[in-house]
C-alpha atoms as a PDB file:
ATOM      1  CA  MET A   1      90.908 110.082 113.994  1.00  0.00           C
ATOM      2  CA  ASN A   2      94.348 110.947 115.306  1.00  0.00           C
ATOM      3  CA  LEU A   3      97.477 108.780 115.154  1.00  0.00           C
ATOM      4  CA  LEU A   4      96.937 107.227 118.585  1.00  0.00           C
ATOM      5  CA  GLN A   5      93.369 106.420 118.072  1.00  0.00           C
ATOM      6  CA  ASP A   6      94.381 104.782 114.753  1.00  0.00           C
ATOM      7  CA  LEU A   7      97.050 102.741 116.560  1.00  0.00           C
ATOM      8  CA  ASN A   8      94.579 101.797 119.261  1.00  0.00           C
ATOM      9  CA  TRP A   9      92.246 100.569 116.556  1.00  0.00           C
ATOM     10  CA  ARG A  10      94.984  98.670 114.698  1.00  0.00           C
ATOM     11  CA  TYR A  11      94.652  94.950 115.347  1.00  0.00           C
ATOM     12  CA  ALA A  12      96.644  91.913 113.643  1.00  0.00           C
ATOM     13  CA  ALA A  13      93.496  90.283 112.321  1.00  0.00           C
ATOM     14  CA  LYS A  14      93.475  86.514 112.583  1.00  0.00           C
ATOM     15  CA  ARG A  15      90.690  86.301 110.030  1.00  0.00           C
ATOM     16  CA  MET A  16      89.689  88.371 107.163  1.00  0.00           C
ATOM     17  CA  THR A  17      86.592  88.831 105.032  1.00  0.00           C
ATOM     18  CA  GLY A  18      88.180  88.709 101.497  1.00  0.00           C
ATOM     19  CA  GLU A  19      86.781  92.166 100.638  1.00  0.00           C
ATOM     20  CA  LYS A  20      88.869  94.226  98.306  1.00  0.00           C
ATOM     21  CA  ILE A  21      90.668  97.182  99.441  1.00  0.00           C
ATOM     22  CA  PRO A  22      89.770 100.326  97.318  1.00  0.00           C
ATOM     23  CA  GLN A  23      92.681 101.007  95.024  1.00  0.00           C
ATOM     24  CA  GLU A  24      93.321 104.457  96.504  1.00  0.00           C
ATOM     25  CA  LYS A  25      93.738 103.045  99.958  1.00  0.00           C
ATOM     26  CA  LEU A  26      96.214 100.451  98.671  1.00  0.00           C
ATOM     27  CA  ASP A  27      98.043 103.035  96.673  1.00  0.00           C
ATOM     28  CA  THR A  28      98.398 105.063  99.841  1.00  0.00           C
ATOM     29  CA  ILE A  29      99.738 102.338 101.930  1.00  0.00           C
ATOM     30  CA  LEU A  30     102.235 101.265  99.265  1.00  0.00           C
ATOM     31  CA  GLU A  31     103.455 104.757  98.977  1.00  0.00           C
ATOM     32  CA  ALA A  32     103.865 105.133 102.562  1.00  0.00           C
ATOM     33  CA  ILE A  33     106.111 102.044 102.430  1.00  0.00           C
ATOM     34  CA  ARG A  34     108.053 103.259  99.654  1.00  0.00           C
ATOM     35  CA  LEU A  35     108.649 106.566 101.546  1.00  0.00           C
ATOM     36  CA  SER A  36     109.565 104.892 104.644  1.00  0.00           C
ATOM     37  CA  ALA A  37     112.913 105.520 106.578  1.00  0.00           C
ATOM     38  CA  SER A  38     115.878 103.569 105.393  1.00  0.00           C
ATOM     39  CA  SER A  39     119.505 103.928 106.395  1.00  0.00           C
ATOM     40  CA  MET A  40     121.329 106.238 104.039  1.00  0.00           C
ATOM     41  CA  GLY A  41     118.257 106.129 101.973  1.00  0.00           C
ATOM     42  CA  PHE A  42     119.475 102.853 100.248  1.00  0.00           C
ATOM     43  CA  GLN A  43     116.426 100.724 100.573  1.00  0.00           C
ATOM     44  CA  PRO A  44     118.031  97.293  99.958  1.00  0.00           C
ATOM     45  CA  TYR A  45     114.814  95.438  99.450  1.00  0.00           C
ATOM     46  CA  ASN A  46     111.746  94.945  97.229  1.00  0.00           C
ATOM     47  CA  VAL A  47     108.031  94.436  98.180  1.00  0.00           C
ATOM     48  CA  LEU A  48     105.922  92.064  96.173  1.00  0.00           C
ATOM     49  CA  VAL A  49     102.274  92.755  95.875  1.00  0.00           C
ATOM     50  CA  VAL A  50     100.419  89.414  95.490  1.00  0.00           C
ATOM     51  CA  GLU A  51      96.905  89.579  94.241  1.00  0.00           C
ATOM     52  CA  ASP A  52      96.522  86.165  92.298  1.00  0.00           C
ATOM     53  CA  PRO A  53      94.396  83.811  94.366  1.00  0.00           C
ATOM     54  CA  GLU A  54      95.977  80.684  93.114  1.00  0.00           C
ATOM     55  CA  ILE A  55      99.587  81.907  94.047  1.00  0.00           C
ATOM     56  CA  ARG A  56      98.278  82.681  97.499  1.00  0.00           C
ATOM     57  CA  LYS A  57      97.009  79.270  98.002  1.00  0.00           C
ATOM     58  CA  GLU A  58     100.501  77.922  97.164  1.00  0.00           C
ATOM     59  CA  ILE A  59     102.035  80.423  99.580  1.00  0.00           C
ATOM     60  CA  GLN A  60      99.629  79.532 102.316  1.00  0.00           C
ATOM     61  CA  ALA A  61     100.766  75.856 102.044  1.00  0.00           C
ATOM     62  CA  LYS A  62     104.238  77.012 102.929  1.00  0.00           C
ATOM     63  CA  ALA A  63     103.034  79.346 105.739  1.00  0.00           C
ATOM     64  CA  ALA A  64     101.324  77.003 108.233  1.00  0.00           C
ATOM     65  CA  ASN A  65      98.182  77.409 106.410  1.00  0.00           C
ATOM     66  CA  GLN A  66      97.352  80.790 107.983  1.00  0.00           C
ATOM     67  CA  PRO A  67      93.942  81.840 106.675  1.00  0.00           C
ATOM     68  CA  GLN A  68      94.764  85.553 106.311  1.00  0.00           C
ATOM     69  CA  ILE A  69      96.967  84.680 103.411  1.00  0.00           C
ATOM     70  CA  VAL A  70      94.268  83.673 101.236  1.00  0.00           C
ATOM     71  CA  GLU A  71      91.462  85.787 102.876  1.00  0.00           C
ATOM     72  CA  ALA A  72      93.289  89.087 102.613  1.00  0.00           C
ATOM     73  CA  SER A  73      92.570  91.562  99.965  1.00  0.00           C
ATOM     74  CA  HIS A  74      96.380  91.735  99.080  1.00  0.00           C
ATOM     75  CA  LEU A  75      99.511  90.041 100.348  1.00  0.00           C
ATOM     76  CA  LEU A  76     102.704  91.821 100.558  1.00  0.00           C
ATOM     77  CA  ILE A  77     106.100  90.042 100.532  1.00  0.00           C
ATOM     78  CA  PHE A  78     109.178  91.908 101.914  1.00  0.00           C
ATOM     79  CA  ALA A  79     112.202  90.526 100.129  1.00  0.00           C
ATOM     80  CA  VAL A  80     115.693  91.541 101.017  1.00  0.00           C
ATOM     81  CA  TRP A  81     118.412  91.915  98.391  1.00  0.00           C
ATOM     82  CA  ASP A  82     120.561  88.688  98.814  1.00  0.00           C
ATOM     83  CA  THR A  83     123.901  90.563  98.053  1.00  0.00           C
ATOM     84  CA  LEU A  84     124.880  94.185  98.419  1.00  0.00           C
ATOM     85  CA  THR A  85     127.229  95.464  95.745  1.00  0.00           C
ATOM     86  CA  GLU A  86     129.105  98.704  94.681  1.00  0.00           C
ATOM     87  CA  ALA A  87     127.098  98.513  91.544  1.00  0.00           C
ATOM     88  CA  GLN A  88     123.963  99.016  93.572  1.00  0.00           C
ATOM     89  CA  VAL A  89     125.523 101.925  95.168  1.00  0.00           C
ATOM     90  CA  THR A  90     126.592 103.394  91.958  1.00  0.00           C
ATOM     91  CA  GLU A  91     122.992 103.170  90.713  1.00  0.00           C
ATOM     92  CA  TYR A  92     121.581 104.779  93.900  1.00  0.00           C
ATOM     93  CA  MET A  93     124.116 107.672  93.406  1.00  0.00           C
ATOM     94  CA  GLN A  94     122.949 108.289  89.815  1.00  0.00           C
ATOM     95  CA  ARG A  95     119.356 108.272  91.071  1.00  0.00           C
ATOM     96  CA  ILE A  96     120.090 110.931  93.581  1.00  0.00           C
ATOM     97  CA  ALA A  97     122.007 112.971  90.968  1.00  0.00           C
ATOM     98  CA  ASP A  98     118.934 112.735  88.638  1.00  0.00           C
ATOM     99  CA  GLU A  99     116.380 113.513  91.153  1.00  0.00           C
ATOM    100  CA  ARG A 100     118.265 116.458  92.669  1.00  0.00           C
ATOM    101  CA  GLY A 101     119.713 117.713  89.653  1.00  0.00           C
ATOM    102  CA  VAL A 102     123.323 117.783  90.922  1.00  0.00           C
ATOM    103  CA  GLY A 103     126.583 116.229  89.321  1.00  0.00           C
ATOM    104  CA  ILE A 104     127.345 112.758  90.148  1.00  0.00           C
ATOM    105  CA  GLU A 105     130.888 113.734  91.174  1.00  0.00           C
ATOM    106  CA  THR A 106     129.428 115.687  94.157  1.00  0.00           C
ATOM    107  CA  LEU A 107     128.194 112.565  95.590  1.00  0.00           C
ATOM    108  CA  GLU A 108     131.754 110.680  95.521  1.00  0.00           C
ATOM    109  CA  GLY A 109     132.249 111.182  99.275  1.00  0.00           C
ATOM    110  CA  PHE A 110     128.784 109.744 100.033  1.00  0.00           C
ATOM    111  CA  ALA A 111     129.354 106.765  97.605  1.00  0.00           C
ATOM    112  CA  GLN A 112     132.628 105.896  98.976  1.00  0.00           C
ATOM    113  CA  SER A 113     131.061 106.141 102.550  1.00  0.00           C
ATOM    114  CA  LEU A 114     128.377 103.540 101.625  1.00  0.00           C
ATOM    115  CA  LYS A 115     130.585 101.357  99.651  1.00  0.00           C
ATOM    116  CA  GLY A 116     132.858 101.294 102.713  1.00  0.00           C
ATOM    117  CA  VAL A 117     130.016 100.262 105.113  1.00  0.00           C
ATOM    118  CA  ILE A 118     128.970  97.414 102.671  1.00  0.00           C
ATOM    119  CA  ASN A 119     132.553  96.202 102.051  1.00  0.00           C
ATOM    120  CA  SER A 120     133.365  96.287 105.779  1.00  0.00           C
ATOM    121  CA  ARG A 121     130.823  93.536 106.478  1.00  0.00           C
ATOM    122  CA  THR A 122     130.245  90.030 105.643  1.00  0.00           C
ATOM    123  CA  ALA A 123     127.480  88.952 103.305  1.00  0.00           C
ATOM    124  CA  GLU A 124     125.344  87.635 106.195  1.00  0.00           C
ATOM    125  CA  GLU A 125     125.954  90.932 108.045  1.00  0.00           C
ATOM    126  CA  ASN A 126     124.971  92.931 105.104  1.00  0.00           C
ATOM    127  CA  PHE A 127     121.748  90.883 104.692  1.00  0.00           C
ATOM    128  CA  GLN A 128     120.811  91.256 108.388  1.00  0.00           C
ATOM    129  CA  TRP A 129     121.236  95.052 108.079  1.00  0.00           C
ATOM    130  CA  ALA A 130     119.093  95.109 104.973  1.00  0.00           C
ATOM    131  CA  ALA A 131     116.463  93.011 106.621  1.00  0.00           C
ATOM    132  CA  ARG A 132     116.269  95.642 109.487  1.00  0.00           C
ATOM    133  CA  GLN A 133     115.592  98.362 106.941  1.00  0.00           C
ATOM    134  CA  ALA A 134     112.827  96.180 105.501  1.00  0.00           C
ATOM    135  CA  TYR A 135     111.240  95.910 108.855  1.00  0.00           C
ATOM    136  CA  ILE A 136     111.196  99.636 109.241  1.00  0.00           C
ATOM    137  CA  ALA A 137     109.299  99.832 106.193  1.00  0.00           C
ATOM    138  CA  LEU A 138     106.905  97.061 107.404  1.00  0.00           C
ATOM    139  CA  GLY A 139     106.174  99.130 110.464  1.00  0.00           C
ATOM    140  CA  THR A 140     105.458 102.075 108.436  1.00  0.00           C
ATOM    141  CA  GLY A 141     103.024 100.065 106.263  1.00  0.00           C
ATOM    142  CA  LEU A 142     101.272  98.912 109.553  1.00  0.00           C
ATOM    143  CA  VAL A 143     100.847 102.671 110.512  1.00  0.00           C
ATOM    144  CA  ALA A 144      99.768 103.675 107.117  1.00  0.00           C
ATOM    145  CA  ALA A 145      97.110 100.904 107.016  1.00  0.00           C
ATOM    146  CA  SER A 146      95.676 101.789 110.329  1.00  0.00           C
ATOM    147  CA  ALA A 147      95.210 105.372 109.060  1.00  0.00           C
ATOM    148  CA  GLU A 148      93.343 104.136 106.154  1.00  0.00           C
ATOM    149  CA  LYS A 149      91.256 101.854 108.358  1.00  0.00           C
ATOM    150  CA  VAL A 150      92.629  98.823 106.654  1.00  0.00           C
ATOM    151  CA  ASP A 151      93.648  95.889 108.705  1.00  0.00           C
ATOM    152  CA  SER A 152      97.207  94.544 108.447  1.00  0.00           C
ATOM    153  CA  THR A 153      98.693  91.403 109.826  1.00  0.00           C
ATOM    154  CA  PRO A 154     102.575  91.085 109.839  1.00  0.00           C
ATOM    155  CA  MET A 155     103.723  87.538 109.555  1.00  0.00           C
ATOM    156  CA  GLU A 156     107.030  85.694 109.881  1.00  0.00           C
ATOM    157  CA  GLY A 157     105.431  82.218 110.335  1.00  0.00           C
ATOM    158  CA  PHE A 158     106.348  80.677 106.917  1.00  0.00           C
ATOM    159  CA  ASN A 159     109.231  78.819 105.216  1.00  0.00           C
ATOM    160  CA  PRO A 160     111.351  81.490 103.640  1.00  0.00           C
ATOM    161  CA  ALA A 161     113.433  78.992 101.584  1.00  0.00           C
ATOM    162  CA  ALA A 162     110.294  77.235 100.227  1.00  0.00           C
ATOM    163  CA  LEU A 163     108.565  80.568  99.287  1.00  0.00           C
ATOM    164  CA  ASP A 164     111.713  81.807  97.741  1.00  0.00           C
ATOM    165  CA  GLU A 165     111.775  78.592  95.470  1.00  0.00           C
ATOM    166  CA  LEU A 166     107.969  78.824  94.690  1.00  0.00           C
ATOM    167  CA  LEU A 167     108.458  82.515  93.390  1.00  0.00           C
ATOM    168  CA  GLY A 168     111.925  82.202  92.032  1.00  0.00           C
ATOM    169  CA  LEU A 169     113.161  84.968  94.339  1.00  0.00           C
ATOM    170  CA  ARG A 170     116.842  83.718  94.746  1.00  0.00           C
ATOM    171  CA  GLU A 171     117.188  83.968  90.871  1.00  0.00           C
ATOM    172  CA  LYS A 172     116.189  87.584  91.176  1.00  0.00           C
ATOM    173  CA  GLY A 173     118.712  88.268  93.989  1.00  0.00           C
ATOM    174  CA  LEU A 174     116.029  88.268  96.799  1.00  0.00           C
ATOM    175  CA  ARG A 175     115.210  86.485 100.024  1.00  0.00           C
ATOM    176  CA  SER A 176     111.809  86.876 101.567  1.00  0.00           C
ATOM    177  CA  ILE A 177     111.832  87.875 105.258  1.00  0.00           C
ATOM    178  CA  ALA A 178     108.232  88.826 106.088  1.00  0.00           C
ATOM    179  CA  LEU A 179     104.576  88.827 104.925  1.00  0.00           C
ATOM    180  CA  LEU A 180     102.067  91.549 105.354  1.00  0.00           C
ATOM    181  CA  ALA A 181      98.475  90.687 104.752  1.00  0.00           C
ATOM    182  CA  LEU A 182      96.033  93.561 103.945  1.00  0.00           C
ATOM    183  CA  GLY A 183      92.257  93.473 104.175  1.00  0.00           C
ATOM    184  CA  TYR A 184      89.395  93.691 106.617  1.00  0.00           C
ATOM    185  CA  ARG A 185      88.963  91.885 109.943  1.00  0.00           C
ATOM    186  CA  ASP A 186      86.074  89.130 109.940  1.00  0.00           C
ATOM    187  CA  THR A 187      84.527  89.869 113.412  1.00  0.00           C
ATOM    188  CA  GLU A 188      82.342  86.875 113.234  1.00  0.00           C
ATOM    189  CA  LYS A 189      85.175  84.349 112.728  1.00  0.00           C
ATOM    190  CA  ASP A 190      87.821  86.177 114.659  1.00  0.00           C
ATOM    191  CA  PHE A 191      87.154  85.948 118.409  1.00  0.00           C
ATOM    192  CA  LEU A 192      89.823  88.348 119.273  1.00  0.00           C
ATOM    193  CA  ALA A 193      88.759  91.181 116.922  1.00  0.00           C
ATOM    194  CA  SER A 194      86.854  93.044 119.655  1.00  0.00           C
ATOM    195  CA  ALA A 195      89.225  92.313 122.435  1.00  0.00           C
ATOM    196  CA  LYS A 196      90.946  95.166 124.319  1.00  0.00           C
ATOM    197  CA  LYS A 197      94.403  95.947 123.183  1.00  0.00           C
ATOM    198  CA  VAL A 198      97.087  94.859 125.616  1.00  0.00           C
ATOM    199  CA  ARG A 199     100.362  96.555 125.866  1.00  0.00           C
ATOM    200  CA  ARG A 200     102.874  96.986 128.845  1.00  0.00           C
ATOM    201  CA  PRO A 201     102.277 100.248 130.778  1.00  0.00           C
ATOM    202  CA  ALA A 202     104.249 103.340 129.855  1.00  0.00           C
ATOM    203  CA  ASN A 203     105.835 103.509 133.167  1.00  0.00           C
ATOM    204  CA  GLU A 204     107.345  99.987 132.766  1.00  0.00           C
ATOM    205  CA  PHE A 205     107.982 100.217 129.003  1.00  0.00           C
ATOM    206  CA  PHE A 206     109.998 103.609 128.912  1.00  0.00           C
ATOM    207  CA  VAL A 207     113.318 104.108 130.673  1.00  0.00           C
ATOM    208  CA  THR A 208     114.321 107.697 131.276  1.00  0.00           C
ATOM    209  CA  VAL A 209     118.063 108.229 131.099  1.00  0.00           C
ATOM    210  CA  ALA A 210     118.592 111.711 132.900  1.00  0.00           C
END
């Protein structure tokens, strides 16, 4: 299938079968998320991969008891760095230097630029910026899953503070912002699974500025 066929096939499953995703498919989806676009390449977030069924039951209780959380093969939690610091920038610059085989001093201008961006904002503004970067990765995960014929359901319907407390995320400097259930749609229990995709028509959706 080509990309548009994959995206037409994609559906945010309301119920899943519990069938496990083959490891190679999961690895591909996770790697696509890791390779996703991020402003300045900074990636100010982490992705937790939750397999444990007991932990997922506890998460479900803090997410309006949505069934996909326990019926999915895997549950991803997108968690943003609570605070952005110059030390994180320095670590990022060192990674660039190591990966590209360049002197760290050649990155000083880039480092100062990124530090300037971070220092010019409030902590909440930095968090919101970081959250937008995580959502770009979430979107990449949706597309990658569709290419692998794996269903993916993005979710915001949960209590972030309660989830952070359950998993001790704040102590790790993280705050949860979105969930992504990965698995296979249950066509018998999900009455919308075979429904036609509905989107706004292109002539209404796109605005050409000429």
